[in-house]
Amino acid sequence: MDSSHQPTFPLLRLPVNAQKNVLRSMEIMDIWSLSLCSKTTKVLAKSINLKPKSCVVRLDGLVDSTVNSQDFTIQLQVYPDRNAQTMPNRKKQKADYVIITYTEISSSESKVYRSKNFKTAGDWFCHFSSIFHISSVNRLEMVQFCYFLSVKETLKRMEIRNIWIYETLQAVHARKILIPLSRAKSIILAKNPYISVYEKRRVLVQNWLGLNLNNEFLITIDDLLMTNCTYLISWWSEWPQEMINRWLKLWRSGSNRNLKYLVLAIIGTDPNVILKGIKYQVVPESTVQIFDGNDMGDLRNRTEEVKGGFDIWRNDGVRATVAIKDHLDHWRFQFCLWP
C-alpha cells in the first residue's frame, strides 16, 4: 500500500441522520470549510441549524459580519480587490479573499479563504447568511458605502432592527441606503443627509420603532406630529419652552399616540411655562421610576431611571412623566409614557 495514500471518509454515502450526527461532532470552522465544497455539502451544513442569537453587520471598506451564538462567535470579513474601493457604485464588487474568525471563551482561530465560486462580496455574504441562518440583523453599521450594492439584495430579505448611519458616510449614499431598507425598525443618524424638508419628512413618516437624530438633524413640532414612531431622540432640536407646552397640549388631545419616549434639547427650564394650562402633579426628586424600553434596541439604554419630574395625563387617562434635566452643555426635555 502506498504510504502517502490518505484514507477518505464516505460522509455523503451515509444515511441523512448519520451525516448530521457527524457534522454535529465537527468543529464550526470545519463545517464552514465543508459548506464551500459543493452544493450538496452546503445543504448538509445548513441542515444542522447553526442559528445565532444575534448578528451585527458593518460596512467599512469591507464587509464585516459577526454572528454571536450561545457558545461561540464567528466573524466573516470580506476583503476587496484593488478596484473595489475606487468603484463603490458597482453592484458586482469583486472580493479578493475572506477571513473567518471563530472565537470561544478561551480560544480563537482565523483562516483565509478564496474560492472561484464566490467572486463578489455579495456571494460570500449570502453564503455566510445561509449557513448560519441569519434572518435578522440586530445592527447594520454603515460607515462607508463600499460593498452596499453587492450585499443589498441579501439584506433586503432580512429583518433589520437597527441601522447606524455614521457621519463618515456621504449624504447621497445615506439616502440610497435608507430607501431599500425602509422596513428597518430603528435608525440612528449621525448627521442629516437630507437637503430639503420634503426628503426629510419622507423618512420621518415611515413607521419606525425608534429614531435617534444627531448632528444638526433638526425636527420641528410639525415634524414630530407627523411621525408614528415609539421612541424619538433629537439632541440638536432646541425647542423653546412655549413649543414644548404647545406639543404637550396636542399630545393630551390625542396626537402622537404611539410615542412612549421622547428626548429633545430645550431652551429654558421654567416648569410654569412648559406646563402652562396643563393639569400636573409634582413627582418628588427622591421618587425613582424605571422606564422599560427593552424593544428600543441600540437607540438607548434598555432601562432608564426617571427621577422626579411632573406627572401629566392624556384625555383617556394614560399617565406620562415629563422632566427637565441638565445634560452635558445643554438642558434636555424628557417624556416617558407609562403602561
Protein backbone atom coordinates (compact mmCIF):
# COMPACT_ATOMS: atom_id res chain seq x y z
CA MET A 1 0.00 0.00 0.00
CA ASP A 2 1.22 3.47 -0.86
CA SER A 3 2.14 5.12 2.44
CA SER A 4 1.21 8.53 1.02
CA HIS A 5 -2.39 7.48 0.42
CA GLN A 6 -4.82 9.26 2.75
CA PRO A 7 -7.96 7.33 3.73
CA THR A 8 -11.26 9.07 2.99
CA PHE A 9 -14.49 9.08 4.94
CA PRO A 10 -17.62 8.43 2.81
CA LEU A 11 -19.69 11.13 4.52
CA LEU A 12 -22.14 11.67 1.68
CA ARG A 13 -22.88 7.93 1.41
CA LEU A 14 -24.15 7.75 4.97
CA PRO A 15 -27.85 8.00 5.85
CA VAL A 16 -29.06 11.57 6.34
CA ASN A 17 -29.33 11.34 10.12
CA ALA A 18 -25.86 9.84 10.34
CA GLN A 19 -24.48 12.69 8.20
CA LYS A 20 -26.00 15.24 10.59
CA ASN A 21 -24.57 13.44 13.62
CA VAL A 22 -21.11 13.53 12.05
CA LEU A 23 -21.39 17.29 11.39
CA ARG A 24 -22.59 17.98 14.92
CA SER A 25 -19.38 16.42 16.21
CA MET A 26 -17.22 18.60 13.92
CA GLU A 27 -15.65 21.97 14.71
CA ILE A 28 -17.51 25.04 13.40
CA MET A 29 -14.60 26.02 11.16
CA ASP A 30 -14.60 22.56 9.59
CA ILE A 31 -18.35 22.77 8.95
CA TRP A 32 -17.80 26.14 7.24
CA SER A 33 -14.99 24.68 5.11
CA LEU A 34 -17.19 21.73 4.18
CA SER A 35 -20.01 24.04 3.12
CA LEU A 36 -17.76 25.54 0.43
CA CYS A 37 -17.04 22.22 -1.30
CA SER A 38 -20.27 21.74 -3.26
CA LYS A 39 -23.98 22.46 -3.32
CA THR A 40 -24.60 19.13 -1.61
CA THR A 41 -22.27 19.88 1.29
CA LYS A 42 -23.78 23.36 1.60
CA VAL A 43 -27.24 21.85 2.03
CA LEU A 44 -25.83 19.41 4.57
CA ALA A 45 -24.13 22.19 6.55
CA LYS A 46 -27.38 24.17 6.62
CA SER A 47 -29.36 21.15 7.83
CA ILE A 48 -27.82 21.16 11.33
CA ASN A 49 -29.33 24.60 12.03
CA LEU A 50 -26.45 26.70 13.37
CA LYS A 51 -28.75 29.54 14.38
CA PRO A 52 -27.30 32.68 16.02
CA LYS A 53 -28.61 34.73 18.93
CA SER A 54 -27.60 37.98 17.25
CA CYS A 55 -25.84 39.37 14.19
CA VAL A 56 -24.02 42.65 13.53
CA VAL A 57 -23.04 43.75 10.01
CA ARG A 58 -20.56 46.59 9.46
CA LEU A 59 -19.66 48.06 6.07
CA ASP A 60 -16.41 49.98 6.42
CA GLY A 61 -14.34 49.43 3.29
CA LEU A 62 -15.03 45.72 3.73
CA VAL A 63 -17.97 43.55 4.77
CA ASP A 64 -17.66 42.64 8.43
CA SER A 65 -20.39 40.31 9.70
CA THR A 66 -20.30 38.94 13.24
CA VAL A 67 -22.61 36.19 14.47
CA ASN A 68 -23.00 35.57 18.18
CA SER A 69 -24.25 32.23 19.45
CA GLN A 70 -24.61 30.98 22.99
CA ASP A 71 -21.30 29.10 22.84
CA PHE A 72 -19.27 30.86 20.16
CA THR A 73 -18.76 33.90 17.94
CA ILE A 74 -17.92 33.65 14.25
CA GLN A 75 -16.89 36.59 12.09
CA LEU A 76 -16.80 36.98 8.31
CA GLN A 77 -14.57 39.71 6.87
CA VAL A 78 -14.67 40.17 3.09
CA TYR A 79 -11.66 42.00 1.70
CA PRO A 80 -11.94 43.84 -1.63
CA ASP A 81 -9.77 43.59 -4.68
CA ARG A 82 -7.75 46.67 -5.56
CA ASN A 83 -10.51 48.23 -7.67
CA ALA A 84 -13.48 47.80 -5.32
CA GLN A 85 -12.72 50.81 -3.14
CA THR A 86 -12.47 53.15 -6.12
CA MET A 87 -15.77 51.95 -7.64
CA PRO A 88 -18.28 51.85 -4.76
CA ASN A 89 -21.31 52.15 -7.05
CA ARG A 90 -20.74 48.85 -8.81
CA LYS A 91 -23.18 46.08 -7.91
CA LYS A 92 -20.71 43.27 -8.53
CA GLN A 93 -17.78 44.49 -6.49
CA LYS A 94 -15.16 41.78 -6.59
CA ALA A 95 -13.79 40.24 -3.42
CA ASP A 96 -10.20 39.10 -3.17
CA TYR A 97 -10.47 36.86 -0.10
CA VAL A 98 -12.29 36.42 3.19
CA ILE A 99 -11.11 35.79 6.72
CA ILE A 100 -13.23 33.68 9.03
CA THR A 101 -12.55 34.04 12.75
CA TYR A 102 -14.03 31.59 15.25
CA THR A 103 -13.94 32.51 18.93
CA GLU A 104 -14.85 30.52 22.01
CA ILE A 105 -14.43 31.56 25.62
CA SER A 106 -10.78 30.52 25.83
CA SER A 107 -9.60 30.26 22.22
CA SER A 108 -9.69 31.94 18.83
CA GLU A 109 -8.86 30.77 15.32
CA SER A 110 -8.70 32.56 11.96
CA LYS A 111 -8.44 31.20 8.42
CA VAL A 112 -8.19 32.79 4.98
CA TYR A 113 -10.46 31.52 2.20
CA ARG A 114 -10.52 32.06 -1.55
CA SER A 115 -12.94 30.47 -3.98
CA LYS A 116 -13.63 30.63 -7.70
CA ASN A 117 -17.32 30.16 -6.95
CA PHE A 118 -17.51 33.29 -4.80
CA LYS A 119 -16.40 36.29 -6.79
CA THR A 120 -18.18 39.15 -5.04
CA ALA A 121 -18.81 40.35 -1.53
CA GLY A 122 -22.48 39.56 -2.07
CA ASP A 123 -21.66 35.93 -2.92
CA TRP A 124 -19.71 35.45 0.31
CA PHE A 125 -22.22 37.28 2.50
CA CYS A 126 -25.16 35.36 1.02
CA HIS A 127 -23.41 32.03 1.64
CA PHE A 128 -22.44 33.02 5.20
CA SER A 129 -26.02 34.13 5.94
CA SER A 130 -27.38 30.88 4.55
CA ILE A 131 -25.11 28.56 6.55
CA PHE A 132 -25.75 30.36 9.83
CA HIS A 133 -29.46 31.00 9.16
CA ILE A 134 -29.20 34.78 9.54
CA SER A 135 -32.75 36.01 9.10
CA SER A 136 -32.33 39.22 11.07
CA VAL A 137 -29.57 41.75 11.73
CA ASN A 138 -29.51 43.36 15.16
CA ARG A 139 -27.36 46.25 13.95
CA LEU A 140 -26.27 47.36 10.48
CA GLU A 141 -23.42 49.86 10.75
CA MET A 142 -22.90 51.93 7.63
CA VAL A 143 -19.50 53.62 7.81
CA GLN A 144 -18.71 53.59 4.09
CA PHE A 145 -20.82 52.85 1.01
CA CYS A 146 -18.37 50.36 -0.47
CA TYR A 147 -19.98 46.92 -0.93
CA PHE A 148 -23.52 48.00 -0.02
CA LEU A 149 -24.87 47.41 -3.53
CA SER A 150 -23.27 43.99 -3.54
CA VAL A 151 -24.95 42.84 -0.32
CA LYS A 152 -28.16 44.88 -0.65
CA GLU A 153 -30.35 42.08 -2.01
CA THR A 154 -29.40 39.75 0.84
CA LEU A 155 -30.02 42.49 3.43
CA LYS A 156 -33.45 43.30 1.93
CA ARG A 157 -34.58 39.74 2.73
CA MET A 158 -33.63 40.16 6.38
CA GLU A 159 -35.25 41.94 9.29
CA ILE A 160 -33.01 44.93 10.07
CA ARG A 161 -33.58 46.01 13.66
CA ASN A 162 -31.22 48.98 13.87
CA ILE A 163 -29.34 50.97 11.21
CA TRP A 164 -26.45 53.20 12.25
CA ILE A 165 -25.58 55.84 9.67
CA TYR A 166 -22.13 57.21 10.55
CA GLU A 167 -21.11 60.78 9.79
CA THR A 168 -18.31 59.46 7.55
CA LEU A 169 -20.93 58.27 5.06
CA GLN A 170 -21.68 60.73 2.26
CA ALA A 171 -25.21 62.14 2.30
CA VAL A 172 -26.04 60.83 -1.19
CA HIS A 173 -25.02 57.33 -0.11
CA ALA A 174 -27.03 57.54 3.12
CA ARG A 175 -30.14 58.33 1.10
CA LYS A 176 -29.50 55.35 -1.20
CA ILE A 177 -29.30 53.06 1.82
CA LEU A 178 -32.44 54.24 3.60
CA ILE A 179 -34.75 53.75 0.61
CA PRO A 180 -34.33 49.95 0.13
CA LEU A 181 -34.01 49.31 3.88
CA SER A 182 -37.01 51.41 4.90
CA ARG A 183 -38.54 48.41 6.71
CA ALA A 184 -35.85 48.59 9.39
CA LYS A 185 -37.23 49.08 12.89
CA SER A 186 -34.95 51.82 14.18
CA ILE A 187 -32.33 54.18 12.83
CA ILE A 188 -29.53 56.25 14.31
CA LEU A 189 -28.44 59.13 12.08
CA ALA A 190 -25.11 60.75 12.94
CA LYS A 191 -25.89 63.59 10.53
CA ASN A 192 -28.75 64.87 8.41
CA PRO A 193 -28.37 63.50 4.86
CA TYR A 194 -31.39 65.40 3.52
CA ILE A 195 -31.28 68.74 1.76
CA SER A 196 -34.99 69.51 1.51
CA VAL A 197 -37.75 69.39 4.12
CA TYR A 198 -39.74 67.14 1.78
CA GLU A 199 -36.99 64.49 1.70
CA LYS A 200 -36.59 64.63 5.48
CA ARG A 201 -40.30 64.16 6.08
CA ARG A 202 -40.43 61.19 3.73
CA VAL A 203 -38.23 59.44 6.29
CA LEU A 204 -39.99 60.74 9.37
CA VAL A 205 -43.43 59.47 8.27
CA GLN A 206 -42.23 55.89 7.94
CA ASN A 207 -43.31 53.57 10.72
CA TRP A 208 -40.02 53.41 12.60
CA LEU A 209 -39.95 51.92 16.05
CA GLY A 210 -37.34 54.49 17.02
CA LEU A 211 -35.32 57.43 15.70
CA ASN A 212 -32.11 58.80 17.18
CA LEU A 213 -31.18 62.02 15.36
CA ASN A 214 -27.83 63.74 15.88
CA ASN A 215 -25.61 66.45 14.43
CA GLU A 216 -27.98 69.13 13.23
CA PHE A 217 -30.85 66.86 12.19
CA LEU A 218 -33.47 69.33 13.39
CA ILE A 219 -37.14 68.49 13.79
CA THR A 220 -39.99 70.95 14.22
CA ILE A 221 -43.29 70.45 16.01
CA ASP A 222 -44.89 69.67 12.63
CA ASP A 223 -42.22 67.00 12.01
CA LEU A 224 -42.92 65.42 15.39
CA LEU A 225 -46.68 65.39 14.86
CA MET A 226 -46.36 63.52 11.56
CA THR A 227 -44.06 60.80 12.94
CA ASN A 228 -45.50 57.48 14.02
CA CYS A 229 -42.51 56.18 15.97
CA THR A 230 -42.45 54.89 19.54
CA TYR A 231 -39.08 56.31 20.60
CA LEU A 232 -37.57 59.58 19.39
CA ILE A 233 -34.33 61.22 20.49
CA SER A 234 -33.19 64.52 18.96
CA TRP A 235 -30.22 66.12 20.69
CA TRP A 236 -29.93 69.07 18.29
CA SER A 237 -33.53 70.18 18.09
CA GLU A 238 -33.58 73.02 20.61
CA TRP A 239 -37.22 73.75 21.29
CA PRO A 240 -38.42 76.86 23.17
CA GLN A 241 -40.47 76.22 26.29
CA GLU A 242 -43.60 77.54 24.58
CA MET A 243 -43.27 74.96 21.78
CA ILE A 244 -42.93 72.14 24.31
CA ASN A 245 -46.09 73.43 26.00
CA ARG A 246 -47.94 73.52 22.69
CA TRP A 247 -46.93 69.92 21.87
CA LEU A 248 -47.92 68.64 25.33
CA LYS A 249 -51.40 70.09 24.89
CA LEU A 250 -51.69 68.41 21.48
CA TRP A 251 -50.48 65.11 23.00
CA ARG A 252 -53.16 65.38 25.70
CA SER A 253 -55.74 65.73 22.93
CA GLY A 254 -54.56 62.54 21.20
CA SER A 255 -51.56 63.40 18.99
CA ASN A 256 -48.56 61.01 18.77
CA ARG A 257 -50.48 58.19 20.45
CA ASN A 258 -47.72 55.66 19.72
CA LEU A 259 -44.99 57.76 21.31
CA LYS A 260 -43.61 56.31 24.55
CA TYR A 261 -40.26 58.07 24.88
CA LEU A 262 -39.08 61.49 23.72
CA VAL A 263 -35.88 63.44 24.35
CA LEU A 264 -35.32 66.97 22.99
CA ALA A 265 -32.87 69.76 23.72
CA ILE A 266 -34.76 72.64 25.32
CA ILE A 267 -34.24 76.40 25.66
CA GLY A 268 -35.46 77.48 29.08
CA THR A 269 -36.31 75.44 32.15
CA ASP A 270 -39.35 77.13 33.71
CA PRO A 271 -42.00 74.48 34.55
CA ASN A 272 -44.65 77.22 34.78
CA VAL A 273 -44.13 77.96 31.07
CA ILE A 274 -43.74 74.34 29.96
CA LEU A 275 -46.85 73.16 31.83
CA LYS A 276 -49.00 76.27 31.43
CA GLY A 277 -52.66 75.30 31.14
CA ILE A 278 -51.92 71.61 31.85
CA LYS A 279 -53.00 69.75 34.96
CA TYR A 280 -49.95 68.14 36.56
CA GLN A 281 -48.65 66.61 39.75
CA VAL A 282 -45.11 67.16 41.06
CA VAL A 283 -43.07 63.96 41.46
CA PRO A 284 -40.55 64.27 44.33
CA GLU A 285 -36.90 64.10 43.27
CA SER A 286 -36.48 61.18 45.67
CA THR A 287 -39.01 59.14 43.65
CA VAL A 288 -37.33 56.94 41.04
CA GLN A 289 -39.40 55.35 38.27
CA ILE A 290 -37.91 52.74 35.93
CA PHE A 291 -38.74 53.18 32.27
CA ASP A 292 -38.66 49.80 30.50
CA GLY A 293 -37.57 50.14 26.89
CA ASN A 294 -36.49 46.59 26.09
CA ASP A 295 -37.62 46.97 22.50
CA MET A 296 -35.57 50.15 21.99
CA GLY A 297 -32.68 48.11 20.62
CA ASP A 298 -29.47 50.13 20.39
CA LEU A 299 -31.19 53.52 20.43
CA ARG A 300 -30.54 53.96 24.12
CA ASN A 301 -30.24 52.07 27.39
CA ARG A 302 -32.86 49.34 27.66
CA THR A 303 -34.00 50.64 31.05
CA GLU A 304 -33.68 54.14 32.43
CA GLU A 305 -34.19 55.75 35.82
CA VAL A 306 -36.56 58.71 35.81
CA LYS A 307 -36.04 60.83 38.92
CA GLY A 308 -38.65 63.38 39.90
CA GLY A 309 -40.39 65.40 37.21
CA PHE A 310 -44.07 66.10 36.65
CA ASP A 311 -46.87 63.64 36.00
CA ILE A 312 -49.43 64.62 33.36
CA TRP A 313 -52.40 62.74 31.89
CA ARG A 314 -53.79 62.27 28.42
CA ASN A 315 -57.54 62.77 27.94
CA ASP A 316 -58.04 58.98 28.09
CA GLY A 317 -56.28 58.75 31.46
CA VAL A 318 -52.86 57.49 30.28
CA ARG A 319 -50.07 58.87 32.50
CA ALA A 320 -46.73 60.27 31.40
CA THR A 321 -43.84 61.90 33.26
CA VAL A 322 -42.01 64.92 31.88
CA ALA A 323 -38.72 66.13 33.29
CA ILE A 324 -36.12 68.80 32.55
CA LYS A 325 -32.57 67.58 33.12
CA ASP A 326 -29.11 69.08 32.80
CA HIS A 327 -27.26 67.08 30.15
CA LEU A 328 -23.62 67.96 29.39
CA ASP A 329 -23.68 71.50 27.91
CA HIS A 330 -27.44 71.88 27.45
CA TRP A 331 -30.81 71.17 29.03
CA ARG A 332 -32.96 68.33 27.80
CA PHE A 333 -36.69 67.69 27.93
CA GLN A 334 -37.66 64.08 28.65
CA PHE A 335 -41.06 62.49 28.14
CA CYS A 336 -41.85 58.93 29.34
CA LEU A 337 -45.19 57.20 28.88
CA TRP A 338 -46.22 54.60 31.45
CA PRO A 339 -48.24 51.45 30.73
